[in-house]
Amino acid sequence: SLKEVVNTNKCLLHLAKHNDYLLITSIID
């Protein structure tokens, strides 16, 4: 979730597969 990176220099990524599709979530400040 977004608040995990607000005020930081981090990028958090989360990866998931749904059938043939790769879903990538990417969050930054």
mmCIF file of all heavy atoms, coordinates in Angstrom:
data_MODEL
# 
_entry.id   MODEL 
# 
loop_
_atom_site.group_PDB 
_atom_site.id 
_atom_site.type_symbol 
_atom_site.label_atom_id 
_atom_site.label_alt_id 
_atom_site.label_comp_id 
_atom_site.label_asym_id 
_atom_site.label_entity_id 
_atom_site.label_seq_id 
_atom_site.pdbx_PDB_ins_code 
_atom_site.Cartn_x 
_atom_site.Cartn_y 
_atom_site.Cartn_z 
_atom_site.occupancy 
_atom_site.B_iso_or_equiv 
_atom_site.pdbx_formal_charge 
_atom_site.auth_seq_id 
_atom_site.auth_comp_id 
_atom_site.auth_asym_id 
_atom_site.auth_atom_id 
_atom_site.pdbx_PDB_model_num 
ATOM 1   N N   . SER A 1 1  ? 0.847  -1.193  0.000   1.00 0.00 ? 1  SER A N   1 
ATOM 2   C CA  . SER A 1 1  ? 0.000  0.000   0.000   1.00 0.00 ? 1  SER A CA  1 
ATOM 3   C C   . SER A 1 1  ? 0.879  1.239   0.000   1.00 0.00 ? 1  SER A C   1 
ATOM 4   O O   . SER A 1 1  ? 2.035  1.210   0.451   1.00 0.00 ? 1  SER A O   1 
ATOM 5   C CB  . SER A 1 1  ? -0.936 0.007   1.214   1.00 0.00 ? 1  SER A CB  1 
ATOM 6   O OG  . SER A 1 1  ? -0.184 0.071   2.412   1.00 0.00 ? 1  SER A OG  1 
ATOM 7   N N   . LEU A 1 2  ? 0.335  2.339   -0.483  1.00 0.00 ? 2  LEU A N   1 
ATOM 8   C CA  . LEU A 1 2  ? 1.130  3.520   -0.807  1.00 0.00 ? 2  LEU A CA  1 
ATOM 9   C C   . LEU A 1 2  ? 1.862  4.109   0.392   1.00 0.00 ? 2  LEU A C   1 
ATOM 10  O O   . LEU A 1 2  ? 3.005  4.572   0.266   1.00 0.00 ? 2  LEU A O   1 
ATOM 11  C CB  . LEU A 1 2  ? 0.231  4.572   -1.459  1.00 0.00 ? 2  LEU A CB  1 
ATOM 12  C CG  . LEU A 1 2  ? 0.928  5.699   -2.213  1.00 0.00 ? 2  LEU A CG  1 
ATOM 13  C CD1 . LEU A 1 2  ? 1.875  5.162   -3.269  1.00 0.00 ? 2  LEU A CD1 1 
ATOM 14  C CD2 . LEU A 1 2  ? -0.109 6.626   -2.851  1.00 0.00 ? 2  LEU A CD2 1 
ATOM 15  N N   . LYS A 1 3  ? 1.251  4.121   1.554   1.00 0.00 ? 3  LYS A N   1 
ATOM 16  C CA  . LYS A 1 3  ? 1.881  4.756   2.712   1.00 0.00 ? 3  LYS A CA  1 
ATOM 17  C C   . LYS A 1 3  ? 3.177  4.079   3.134   1.00 0.00 ? 3  LYS A C   1 
ATOM 18  O O   . LYS A 1 3  ? 3.958  4.657   3.893   1.00 0.00 ? 3  LYS A O   1 
ATOM 19  C CB  . LYS A 1 3  ? 0.904  4.797   3.889   1.00 0.00 ? 3  LYS A CB  1 
ATOM 20  C CG  . LYS A 1 3  ? -0.180 5.855   3.749   1.00 0.00 ? 3  LYS A CG  1 
ATOM 21  C CD  . LYS A 1 3  ? -1.016 5.950   5.013   1.00 0.00 ? 3  LYS A CD  1 
ATOM 22  C CE  . LYS A 1 3  ? -2.059 7.053   4.893   1.00 0.00 ? 3  LYS A CE  1 
ATOM 23  N NZ  . LYS A 1 3  ? -2.871 7.170   6.140   1.00 0.00 ? 3  LYS A NZ  1 
ATOM 24  N N   . GLU A 1 4  ? 3.413  2.882   2.635   1.00 0.00 ? 4  GLU A N   1 
ATOM 25  C CA  . GLU A 1 4  ? 4.650  2.177   2.977   1.00 0.00 ? 4  GLU A CA  1 
ATOM 26  C C   . GLU A 1 4  ? 5.877  2.804   2.328   1.00 0.00 ? 4  GLU A C   1 
ATOM 27  O O   . GLU A 1 4  ? 7.008  2.513   2.733   1.00 0.00 ? 4  GLU A O   1 
ATOM 28  C CB  . GLU A 1 4  ? 4.529  0.708   2.587   1.00 0.00 ? 4  GLU A CB  1 
ATOM 29  C CG  . GLU A 1 4  ? 3.468  -0.043  3.369   1.00 0.00 ? 4  GLU A CG  1 
ATOM 30  C CD  . GLU A 1 4  ? 3.067  -1.348  2.728   1.00 0.00 ? 4  GLU A CD  1 
ATOM 31  O OE1 . GLU A 1 4  ? 3.939  -2.018  2.127   1.00 0.00 ? 4  GLU A OE1 1 
ATOM 32  O OE2 . GLU A 1 4  ? 1.880  -1.716  2.798   1.00 0.00 ? 4  GLU A OE2 1 
ATOM 33  N N   . VAL A 1 5  ? 5.687  3.659   1.315   1.00 0.00 ? 5  VAL A N   1 
ATOM 34  C CA  . VAL A 1 5  ? 6.820  4.295   0.663   1.00 0.00 ? 5  VAL A CA  1 
ATOM 35  C C   . VAL A 1 5  ? 6.818  5.815   0.780   1.00 0.00 ? 5  VAL A C   1 
ATOM 36  O O   . VAL A 1 5  ? 7.833  6.454   0.499   1.00 0.00 ? 5  VAL A O   1 
ATOM 37  C CB  . VAL A 1 5  ? 6.902  3.923   -0.836  1.00 0.00 ? 5  VAL A CB  1 
ATOM 38  C CG1 . VAL A 1 5  ? 7.181  2.448   -1.016  1.00 0.00 ? 5  VAL A CG1 1 
ATOM 39  C CG2 . VAL A 1 5  ? 5.658  4.357   -1.592  1.00 0.00 ? 5  VAL A CG2 1 
ATOM 40  N N   . VAL A 1 6  ? 5.702  6.420   1.176   1.00 0.00 ? 6  VAL A N   1 
ATOM 41  C CA  . VAL A 1 6  ? 5.650  7.879   1.262   1.00 0.00 ? 6  VAL A CA  1 
ATOM 42  C C   . VAL A 1 6  ? 6.667  8.370   2.290   1.00 0.00 ? 6  VAL A C   1 
ATOM 43  O O   . VAL A 1 6  ? 6.760  7.838   3.390   1.00 0.00 ? 6  VAL A O   1 
ATOM 44  C CB  . VAL A 1 6  ? 4.230  8.358   1.616   1.00 0.00 ? 6  VAL A CB  1 
ATOM 45  C CG1 . VAL A 1 6  ? 4.220  9.851   1.927   1.00 0.00 ? 6  VAL A CG1 1 
ATOM 46  C CG2 . VAL A 1 6  ? 3.282  8.061   0.463   1.00 0.00 ? 6  VAL A CG2 1 
ATOM 47  N N   . ASN A 1 7  ? 7.445  9.382   1.892   1.00 0.00 ? 7  ASN A N   1 
ATOM 48  C CA  . ASN A 1 7  ? 8.531  9.958   2.690   1.00 0.00 ? 7  ASN A CA  1 
ATOM 49  C C   . ASN A 1 7  ? 9.812  9.130   2.621   1.00 0.00 ? 7  ASN A C   1 
ATOM 50  O O   . ASN A 1 7  ? 10.737 9.347   3.397   1.00 0.00 ? 7  ASN A O   1 
ATOM 51  C CB  . ASN A 1 7  ? 8.136  10.166  4.149   1.00 0.00 ? 7  ASN A CB  1 
ATOM 52  C CG  . ASN A 1 7  ? 9.119  11.056  4.896   1.00 0.00 ? 7  ASN A CG  1 
ATOM 53  O OD1 . ASN A 1 7  ? 9.462  12.132  4.415   1.00 0.00 ? 7  ASN A OD1 1 
ATOM 54  N ND2 . ASN A 1 7  ? 9.601  10.615  6.045   1.00 0.00 ? 7  ASN A ND2 1 
ATOM 55  N N   . THR A 1 8  ? 9.927  8.196   1.681   1.00 0.00 ? 8  THR A N   1 
ATOM 56  C CA  . THR A 1 8  ? 11.145 7.392   1.548   1.00 0.00 ? 8  THR A CA  1 
ATOM 57  C C   . THR A 1 8  ? 11.641 7.401   0.105   1.00 0.00 ? 8  THR A C   1 
ATOM 58  O O   . THR A 1 8  ? 10.944 7.815   -0.814  1.00 0.00 ? 8  THR A O   1 
ATOM 59  C CB  . THR A 1 8  ? 10.918 5.919   1.949   1.00 0.00 ? 8  THR A CB  1 
ATOM 60  O OG1 . THR A 1 8  ? 10.261 5.223   0.871   1.00 0.00 ? 8  THR A OG1 1 
ATOM 61  C CG2 . THR A 1 8  ? 10.074 5.800   3.202   1.00 0.00 ? 8  THR A CG2 1 
ATOM 62  N N   . ASN A 1 9  ? 12.863 6.895   -0.064  1.00 0.00 ? 9  ASN A N   1 
ATOM 63  C CA  . ASN A 1 9  ? 13.440 6.723   -1.397  1.00 0.00 ? 9  ASN A CA  1 
ATOM 64  C C   . ASN A 1 9  ? 13.251 5.292   -1.907  1.00 0.00 ? 9  ASN A C   1 
ATOM 65  O O   . ASN A 1 9  ? 13.923 4.855   -2.823  1.00 0.00 ? 9  ASN A O   1 
ATOM 66  C CB  . ASN A 1 9  ? 14.932 7.072   -1.374  1.00 0.00 ? 9  ASN A CB  1 
ATOM 67  C CG  . ASN A 1 9  ? 15.489 7.336   -2.762  1.00 0.00 ? 9  ASN A CG  1 
ATOM 68  O OD1 . ASN A 1 9  ? 14.955 8.149   -3.512  1.00 0.00 ? 9  ASN A OD1 1 
ATOM 69  N ND2 . ASN A 1 9  ? 16.564 6.648   -3.125  1.00 0.00 ? 9  ASN A ND2 1 
ATOM 70  N N   . LYS A 1 10 ? 12.316 4.572   -1.336  1.00 0.00 ? 10 LYS A N   1 
ATOM 71  C CA  . LYS A 1 10 ? 12.083 3.179   -1.723  1.00 0.00 ? 10 LYS A CA  1 
ATOM 72  C C   . LYS A 1 10 ? 11.134 3.070   -2.913  1.00 0.00 ? 10 LYS A C   1 
ATOM 73  O O   . LYS A 1 10 ? 10.264 3.912   -3.121  1.00 0.00 ? 10 LYS A O   1 
ATOM 74  C CB  . LYS A 1 10 ? 11.464 2.395   -0.568  1.00 0.00 ? 10 LYS A CB  1 
ATOM 75  C CG  . LYS A 1 10 ? 12.349 2.202   0.643   1.00 0.00 ? 10 LYS A CG  1 
ATOM 76  C CD  . LYS A 1 10 ? 11.586 1.448   1.719   1.00 0.00 ? 10 LYS A CD  1 
ATOM 77  C CE  . LYS A 1 10 ? 12.423 1.261   2.976   1.00 0.00 ? 10 LYS A CE  1 
ATOM 78  N NZ  . LYS A 1 10 ? 11.648 0.575   4.045   1.00 0.00 ? 10 LYS A NZ  1 
ATOM 79  N N   . CYS A 1 11 ? 11.313 1.995   -3.649  1.00 0.00 ? 11 CYS A N   1 
ATOM 80  C CA  . CYS A 1 11 ? 10.293 1.493   -4.557  1.00 0.00 ? 11 CYS A CA  1 
ATOM 81  C C   . CYS A 1 11 ? 9.954  0.088   -4.074  1.00 0.00 ? 11 CYS A C   1 
ATOM 82  O O   . CYS A 1 11 ? 10.844 -0.753  -3.924  1.00 0.00 ? 11 CYS A O   1 
ATOM 83  C CB  . CYS A 1 11 ? 10.797 1.437   -5.995  1.00 0.00 ? 11 CYS A CB  1 
ATOM 84  S SG  . CYS A 1 11 ? 9.659  0.600   -7.132  1.00 0.00 ? 11 CYS A SG  1 
ATOM 85  N N   . LEU A 1 12 ? 8.673  -0.142  -3.803  1.00 0.00 ? 12 LEU A N   1 
ATOM 86  C CA  . LEU A 1 12 ? 8.225  -1.486  -3.448  1.00 0.00 ? 12 LEU A CA  1 
ATOM 87  C C   . LEU A 1 12 ? 7.516  -2.106  -4.643  1.00 0.00 ? 12 LEU A C   1 
ATOM 88  O O   . LEU A 1 12 ? 6.720  -1.444  -5.317  1.00 0.00 ? 12 LEU A O   1 
ATOM 89  C CB  . LEU A 1 12 ? 7.267  -1.455  -2.259  1.00 0.00 ? 12 LEU A CB  1 
ATOM 90  C CG  . LEU A 1 12 ? 7.823  -1.027  -0.899  1.00 0.00 ? 12 LEU A CG  1 
ATOM 91  C CD1 . LEU A 1 12 ? 6.774  -1.251  0.182   1.00 0.00 ? 12 LEU A CD1 1 
ATOM 92  C CD2 . LEU A 1 12 ? 9.108  -1.761  -0.561  1.00 0.00 ? 12 LEU A CD2 1 
ATOM 93  N N   . LEU A 1 13 ? 7.826  -3.372  -4.885  1.00 0.00 ? 13 LEU A N   1 
ATOM 94  C CA  . LEU A 1 13 ? 7.209  -4.118  -5.979  1.00 0.00 ? 13 LEU A CA  1 
ATOM 95  C C   . LEU A 1 13 ? 6.479  -5.329  -5.409  1.00 0.00 ? 13 LEU A C   1 
ATOM 96  O O   . LEU A 1 13 ? 6.945  -5.967  -4.457  1.00 0.00 ? 13 LEU A O   1 
ATOM 97  C CB  . LEU A 1 13 ? 8.272  -4.598  -6.971  1.00 0.00 ? 13 LEU A CB  1 
ATOM 98  C CG  . LEU A 1 13 ? 9.127  -3.532  -7.657  1.00 0.00 ? 13 LEU A CG  1 
ATOM 99  C CD1 . LEU A 1 13 ? 10.220 -4.196  -8.479  1.00 0.00 ? 13 LEU A CD1 1 
ATOM 100 C CD2 . LEU A 1 13 ? 8.274  -2.632  -8.533  1.00 0.00 ? 13 LEU A CD2 1 
ATOM 101 N N   . HIS A 1 14 ? 5.333  -5.652  -6.014  1.00 0.00 ? 14 HIS A N   1 
ATOM 102 C CA  . HIS A 1 14 ? 4.636  -6.897  -5.689  1.00 0.00 ? 14 HIS A CA  1 
ATOM 103 C C   . HIS A 1 14 ? 4.301  -7.599  -6.999  1.00 0.00 ? 14 HIS A C   1 
ATOM 104 O O   . HIS A 1 14 ? 3.919  -6.952  -7.984  1.00 0.00 ? 14 HIS A O   1 
ATOM 105 C CB  . HIS A 1 14 ? 3.358  -6.615  -4.900  1.00 0.00 ? 14 HIS A CB  1 
ATOM 106 C CG  . HIS A 1 14 ? 2.635  -7.872  -4.521  1.00 0.00 ? 14 HIS A CG  1 
ATOM 107 N ND1 . HIS A 1 14 ? 1.524  -8.340  -5.207  1.00 0.00 ? 14 HIS A ND1 1 
ATOM 108 C CD2 . HIS A 1 14 ? 2.875  -8.778  -3.535  1.00 0.00 ? 14 HIS A CD2 1 
ATOM 109 C CE1 . HIS A 1 14 ? 1.116  -9.462  -4.660  1.00 0.00 ? 14 HIS A CE1 1 
ATOM 110 N NE2 . HIS A 1 14 ? 1.904  -9.757  -3.644  1.00 0.00 ? 14 HIS A NE2 1 
ATOM 111 N N   . LEU A 1 15 ? 4.487  -8.910  -7.022  1.00 0.00 ? 15 LEU A N   1 
ATOM 112 C CA  . LEU A 1 15 ? 4.336  -9.707  -8.233  1.00 0.00 ? 15 LEU A CA  1 
ATOM 113 C C   . LEU A 1 15 ? 3.267  -10.775 -8.041  1.00 0.00 ? 15 LEU A C   1 
ATOM 114 O O   . LEU A 1 15 ? 3.194  -11.404 -6.983  1.00 0.00 ? 15 LEU A O   1 
ATOM 115 C CB  . LEU A 1 15 ? 5.665  -10.384 -8.579  1.00 0.00 ? 15 LEU A CB  1 
ATOM 116 C CG  . LEU A 1 15 ? 6.886  -9.458  -8.666  1.00 0.00 ? 15 LEU A CG  1 
ATOM 117 C CD1 . LEU A 1 15 ? 8.173  -10.264 -8.622  1.00 0.00 ? 15 LEU A CD1 1 
ATOM 118 C CD2 . LEU A 1 15 ? 6.823  -8.617  -9.933  1.00 0.00 ? 15 LEU A CD2 1 
ATOM 119 N N   . ALA A 1 16 ? 2.451  -10.979 -9.075  1.00 0.00 ? 16 ALA A N   1 
ATOM 120 C CA  . ALA A 1 16 ? 1.426  -12.027 -9.024  1.00 0.00 ? 16 ALA A CA  1 
ATOM 121 C C   . ALA A 1 16 ? 1.167  -12.529 -10.444 1.00 0.00 ? 16 ALA A C   1 
ATOM 122 O O   . ALA A 1 16 ? 1.343  -11.784 -11.417 1.00 0.00 ? 16 ALA A O   1 
ATOM 123 C CB  . ALA A 1 16 ? 0.136  -11.504 -8.396  1.00 0.00 ? 16 ALA A CB  1 
ATOM 124 N N   . LYS A 1 17 ? 0.774  -13.782 -10.569 1.00 0.00 ? 17 LYS A N   1 
ATOM 125 C CA  . LYS A 1 17 ? 0.392  -14.346 -11.870 1.00 0.00 ? 17 LYS A CA  1 
ATOM 126 C C   . LYS A 1 17 ? -1.106 -14.642 -11.863 1.00 0.00 ? 17 LYS A C   1 
ATOM 127 O O   . LYS A 1 17 ? -1.645 -15.189 -10.915 1.00 0.00 ? 17 LYS A O   1 
ATOM 128 C CB  . LYS A 1 17 ? 1.161  -15.644 -12.151 1.00 0.00 ? 17 LYS A CB  1 
ATOM 129 C CG  . LYS A 1 17 ? 2.571  -15.494 -12.663 1.00 0.00 ? 17 LYS A CG  1 
ATOM 130 C CD  . LYS A 1 17 ? 2.681  -14.827 -14.035 1.00 0.00 ? 17 LYS A CD  1 
ATOM 131 C CE  . LYS A 1 17 ? 2.136  -15.609 -15.202 1.00 0.00 ? 17 LYS A CE  1 
ATOM 132 N NZ  . LYS A 1 17 ? 2.901  -16.756 -15.651 1.00 0.00 ? 17 LYS A NZ  1 
ATOM 133 N N   . HIS A 1 18 ? -1.772 -14.279 -12.973 1.00 0.00 ? 18 HIS A N   1 
ATOM 134 C CA  . HIS A 1 18 ? -3.185 -14.579 -13.182 1.00 0.00 ? 18 HIS A CA  1 
ATOM 135 C C   . HIS A 1 18 ? -3.301 -15.212 -14.564 1.00 0.00 ? 18 HIS A C   1 
ATOM 136 O O   . HIS A 1 18 ? -3.219 -14.509 -15.571 1.00 0.00 ? 18 HIS A O   1 
ATOM 137 C CB  . HIS A 1 18 ? -4.041 -13.310 -13.078 1.00 0.00 ? 18 HIS A CB  1 
ATOM 138 C CG  . HIS A 1 18 ? -3.986 -12.683 -11.716 1.00 0.00 ? 18 HIS A CG  1 
ATOM 139 N ND1 . HIS A 1 18 ? -4.865 -13.011 -10.710 1.00 0.00 ? 18 HIS A ND1 1 
ATOM 140 C CD2 . HIS A 1 18 ? -3.121 -11.778 -11.191 1.00 0.00 ? 18 HIS A CD2 1 
ATOM 141 C CE1 . HIS A 1 18 ? -4.569 -12.307 -9.628  1.00 0.00 ? 18 HIS A CE1 1 
ATOM 142 N NE2 . HIS A 1 18 ? -3.515 -11.554 -9.890  1.00 0.00 ? 18 HIS A NE2 1 
ATOM 143 N N   . ASN A 1 19 ? -3.399 -16.528 -14.588 1.00 0.00 ? 19 ASN A N   1 
ATOM 144 C CA  . ASN A 1 19 ? -3.336 -17.284 -15.853 1.00 0.00 ? 19 ASN A CA  1 
ATOM 145 C C   . ASN A 1 19 ? -2.029 -16.934 -16.557 1.00 0.00 ? 19 ASN A C   1 
ATOM 146 O O   . ASN A 1 19 ? -0.966 -17.098 -15.984 1.00 0.00 ? 19 ASN A O   1 
ATOM 147 C CB  . ASN A 1 19 ? -4.573 -17.001 -16.703 1.00 0.00 ? 19 ASN A CB  1 
ATOM 148 C CG  . ASN A 1 19 ? -5.843 -17.465 -16.009 1.00 0.00 ? 19 ASN A CG  1 
ATOM 149 O OD1 . ASN A 1 19 ? -5.854 -18.525 -15.380 1.00 0.00 ? 19 ASN A OD1 1 
ATOM 150 N ND2 . ASN A 1 19 ? -6.903 -16.678 -16.103 1.00 0.00 ? 19 ASN A ND2 1 
ATOM 151 N N   . ASP A 1 20 ? -2.075 -16.406 -17.780 1.00 0.00 ? 20 ASP A N   1 
ATOM 152 C CA  . ASP A 1 20 ? -0.841 -16.098 -18.505 1.00 0.00 ? 20 ASP A CA  1 
ATOM 153 C C   . ASP A 1 20 ? -0.307 -14.704 -18.199 1.00 0.00 ? 20 ASP A C   1 
ATOM 154 O O   . ASP A 1 20 ? 0.747  -14.313 -18.711 1.00 0.00 ? 20 ASP A O   1 
ATOM 155 C CB  . ASP A 1 20 ? -1.080 -16.191 -20.015 1.00 0.00 ? 20 ASP A CB  1 
ATOM 156 C CG  . ASP A 1 20 ? -1.320 -17.618 -20.469 1.00 0.00 ? 20 ASP A CG  1 
ATOM 157 O OD1 . ASP A 1 20 ? -0.869 -18.543 -19.762 1.00 0.00 ? 20 ASP A OD1 1 
ATOM 158 O OD2 . ASP A 1 20 ? -1.973 -17.808 -21.514 1.00 0.00 ? 20 ASP A OD2 1 
ATOM 159 N N   . TYR A 1 21 ? -1.026 -13.945 -17.397 1.00 0.00 ? 21 TYR A N   1 
ATOM 160 C CA  . TYR A 1 21 ? -0.652 -12.550 -17.167 1.00 0.00 ? 21 TYR A CA  1 
ATOM 161 C C   . TYR A 1 21 ? 0.171  -12.391 -15.889 1.00 0.00 ? 21 TYR A C   1 
ATOM 162 O O   . TYR A 1 21 ? -0.171 -12.935 -14.835 1.00 0.00 ? 21 TYR A O   1 
ATOM 163 C CB  . TYR A 1 21 ? -1.887 -11.656 -17.080 1.00 0.00 ? 21 TYR A CB  1 
ATOM 164 C CG  . TYR A 1 21 ? -2.532 -11.405 -18.417 1.00 0.00 ? 21 TYR A CG  1 
ATOM 165 C CD1 . TYR A 1 21 ? -3.651 -12.133 -18.811 1.00 0.00 ? 21 TYR A CD1 1 
ATOM 166 C CD2 . TYR A 1 21 ? -2.017 -10.452 -19.284 1.00 0.00 ? 21 TYR A CD2 1 
ATOM 167 C CE1 . TYR A 1 21 ? -4.250 -11.904 -20.048 1.00 0.00 ? 21 TYR A CE1 1 
ATOM 168 C CE2 . TYR A 1 21 ? -2.602 -10.206 -20.519 1.00 0.00 ? 21 TYR A CE2 1 
ATOM 169 C CZ  . TYR A 1 21 ? -3.720 -10.949 -20.889 1.00 0.00 ? 21 TYR A CZ  1 
ATOM 170 O OH  . TYR A 1 21 ? -4.297 -10.719 -22.114 1.00 0.00 ? 21 TYR A OH  1 
ATOM 171 N N   . LEU A 1 22 ? 1.242  -11.612 -16.001 1.00 0.00 ? 22 LEU A N   1 
ATOM 172 C CA  . LEU A 1 22 ? 2.016  -11.173 -14.849 1.00 0.00 ? 22 LEU A CA  1 
ATOM 173 C C   . LEU A 1 22 ? 1.512  -9.805  -14.432 1.00 0.00 ? 22 LEU A C   1 
ATOM 174 O O   . LEU A 1 22 ? 1.490  -8.863  -15.239 1.00 0.00 ? 22 LEU A O   1 
ATOM 175 C CB  . LEU A 1 22 ? 3.508  -11.100 -15.204 1.00 0.00 ? 22 LEU A CB  1 
ATOM 176 C CG  . LEU A 1 22 ? 4.422  -10.464 -14.152 1.00 0.00 ? 22 LEU A CG  1 
ATOM 177 C CD1 . LEU A 1 22 ? 4.429  -11.295 -12.864 1.00 0.00 ? 22 LEU A CD1 1 
ATOM 178 C CD2 . LEU A 1 22 ? 5.844  -10.309 -14.709 1.00 0.00 ? 22 LEU A CD2 1 
ATOM 179 N N   . LEU A 1 23 ? 1.100  -9.684  -13.177 1.00 0.00 ? 23 LEU A N   1 
ATOM 180 C CA  . LEU A 1 23 ? 0.653  -8.415  -12.619 1.00 0.00 ? 23 LEU A CA  1 
ATOM 181 C C   . LEU A 1 23 ? 1.749  -7.874  -11.714 1.00 0.00 ? 23 LEU A C   1 
ATOM 182 O O   . LEU A 1 23 ? 2.185  -8.545  -10.775 1.00 0.00 ? 23 LEU A O   1 
ATOM 183 C CB  . LEU A 1 23 ? -0.642 -8.600  -11.821 1.00 0.00 ? 23 LEU A CB  1 
ATOM 184 C CG  . LEU A 1 23 ? -1.132 -7.383  -11.028 1.00 0.00 ? 23 LEU A CG  1 
ATOM 185 C CD1 . LEU A 1 23 ? -1.496 -6.230  -11.955 1.00 0.00 ? 23 LEU A CD1 1 
ATOM 186 C CD2 . LEU A 1 23 ? -2.312 -7.765  -10.133 1.00 0.00 ? 23 LEU A CD2 1 
ATOM 187 N N   . ILE A 1 24 ? 2.205  -6.651  -12.000 1.00 0.00 ? 24 ILE A N   1 
ATOM 188 C CA  . ILE A 1 24 ? 3.262  -6.011  -11.223 1.00 0.00 ? 24 ILE A CA  1 
ATOM 189 C C   . ILE A 1 24 ? 2.686  -4.747  -10.594 1.00 0.00 ? 24 ILE A C   1 
ATOM 190 O O   . ILE A 1 24 ? 2.122  -3.898  -11.294 1.00 0.00 ? 24 ILE A O   1 
ATOM 191 C CB  . ILE A 1 24 ? 4.461  -5.628  -12.112 1.00 0.00 ? 24 ILE A CB  1 
ATOM 192 C CG1 . ILE A 1 24 ? 4.933  -6.819  -12.949 1.00 0.00 ? 24 ILE A CG1 1 
ATOM 193 C CG2 . ILE A 1 24 ? 5.602  -5.074  -11.254 1.00 0.00 ? 24 ILE A CG2 1 
ATOM 194 C CD1 . ILE A 1 24 ? 5.836  -6.431  -14.109 1.00 0.00 ? 24 ILE A CD1 1 
ATOM 195 N N   . THR A 1 25 ? 2.807  -4.628  -9.298  1.00 0.00 ? 25 THR A N   1 
ATOM 196 C CA  . THR A 1 25 ? 2.452  -3.390  -8.608  1.00 0.00 ? 25 THR A CA  1 
ATOM 197 C C   . THR A 1 25 ? 3.744  -2.690  -8.208  1.00 0.00 ? 25 THR A C   1 
ATOM 198 O O   . THR A 1 25 ? 4.646  -3.316  -7.639  1.00 0.00 ? 25 THR A O   1 
ATOM 199 C CB  . THR A 1 25 ? 1.601  -3.658  -7.363  1.00 0.00 ? 25 THR A CB  1 
ATOM 200 O OG1 . THR A 1 25 ? 0.465  -4.446  -7.734  1.00 0.00 ? 25 THR A OG1 1 
ATOM 201 C CG2 . THR A 1 25 ? 1.122  -2.357  -6.739  1.00 0.00 ? 25 THR A CG2 1 
ATOM 202 N N   . SER A 1 26 ? 3.839  -1.393  -8.514  1.00 0.00 ? 26 SER A N   1 
ATOM 203 C CA  . SER A 1 26 ? 5.045  -0.614  -8.244  1.00 0.00 ? 26 SER A CA  1 
ATOM 204 C C   . SER A 1 26 ? 4.635  0.682   -7.558  1.00 0.00 ? 26 SER A C   1 
ATOM 205 O O   . SER A 1 26 ? 3.798  1.429   -8.076  1.00 0.00 ? 26 SER A O   1 
ATOM 206 C CB  . SER A 1 26 ? 5.780  -0.304  -9.557  1.00 0.00 ? 26 SER A CB  1 
ATOM 207 O OG  . SER A 1 26 ? 6.886  0.549   -9.342  1.00 0.00 ? 26 SER A OG  1 
ATOM 208 N N   . ILE A 1 27 ? 5.215  0.955   -6.382  1.00 0.00 ? 27 ILE A N   1 
ATOM 209 C CA  . ILE A 1 27 ? 4.842  2.167   -5.653  1.00 0.00 ? 27 ILE A CA  1 
ATOM 210 C C   . ILE A 1 27 ? 6.078  2.954   -5.231  1.00 0.00 ? 27 ILE A C   1 
ATOM 211 O O   . ILE A 1 27 ? 7.088  2.377   -4.812  1.00 0.00 ? 27 ILE A O   1 
ATOM 212 C CB  . ILE A 1 27 ? 3.962  1.848   -4.420  1.00 0.00 ? 27 ILE A CB  1 
ATOM 213 C CG1 . ILE A 1 27 ? 4.657  0.877   -3.467  1.00 0.00 ? 27 ILE A CG1 1 
ATOM 214 C CG2 . ILE A 1 27 ? 2.619  1.282   -4.856  1.00 0.00 ? 27 ILE A CG2 1 
ATOM 215 C CD1 . ILE A 1 27 ? 3.888  0.658   -2.156  1.00 0.00 ? 27 ILE A CD1 1 
ATOM 216 N N   . ILE A 1 28 ? 5.991  4.270   -5.353  1.00 0.00 ? 28 ILE A N   1 
ATOM 217 C CA  . ILE A 1 28 ? 7.065  5.173   -4.945  1.00 0.00 ? 28 ILE A CA  1 
ATOM 218 C C   . ILE A 1 28 ? 6.453  6.455   -4.390  1.00 0.00 ? 28 ILE A C   1 
ATOM 219 O O   . ILE A 1 28 ? 5.271  6.744   -4.602  1.00 0.00 ? 28 ILE A O   1 
ATOM 220 C CB  . ILE A 1 28 ? 8.011  5.543   -6.113  1.00 0.00 ? 28 ILE A CB  1 
ATOM 221 C CG1 . ILE A 1 28 ? 7.263  6.334   -7.195  1.00 0.00 ? 28 ILE A CG1 1 
ATOM 222 C CG2 . ILE A 1 28 ? 8.694  4.315   -6.697  1.00 0.00 ? 28 ILE A CG2 1 
ATOM 223 C CD1 . ILE A 1 28 ? 8.175  6.959   -8.251  1.00 0.00 ? 28 ILE A CD1 1 
ATOM 224 N N   . ASP A 1 29 ? 7.270  7.228   -3.694  1.00 0.00 ? 29 ASP A N   1 
ATOM 225 C CA  . ASP A 1 29 ? 6.932  8.616   -3.371  1.00 0.00 ? 29 ASP A CA  1 
ATOM 226 C C   . ASP A 1 29 ? 7.388  9.452   -4.567  1.00 0.00 ? 29 ASP A C   1 
ATOM 227 O O   . ASP A 1 29 ? 8.579  9.484   -4.892  1.00 0.00 ? 29 ASP A O   1 
ATOM 228 C CB  . ASP A 1 29 ? 7.664  9.055   -2.099  1.00 0.00 ? 29 ASP A CB  1 
ATOM 229 C CG  . ASP A 1 29 ? 7.276  10.458  -1.640  1.00 0.00 ? 29 ASP A CG  1 
ATOM 230 O OD1 . ASP A 1 29 ? 7.158  11.348  -2.502  1.00 0.00 ? 29 ASP A OD1 1 
ATOM 231 O OD2 . ASP A 1 29 ? 7.105  10.676  -0.431  1.00 0.00 ? 29 ASP A OD2 1 
# 
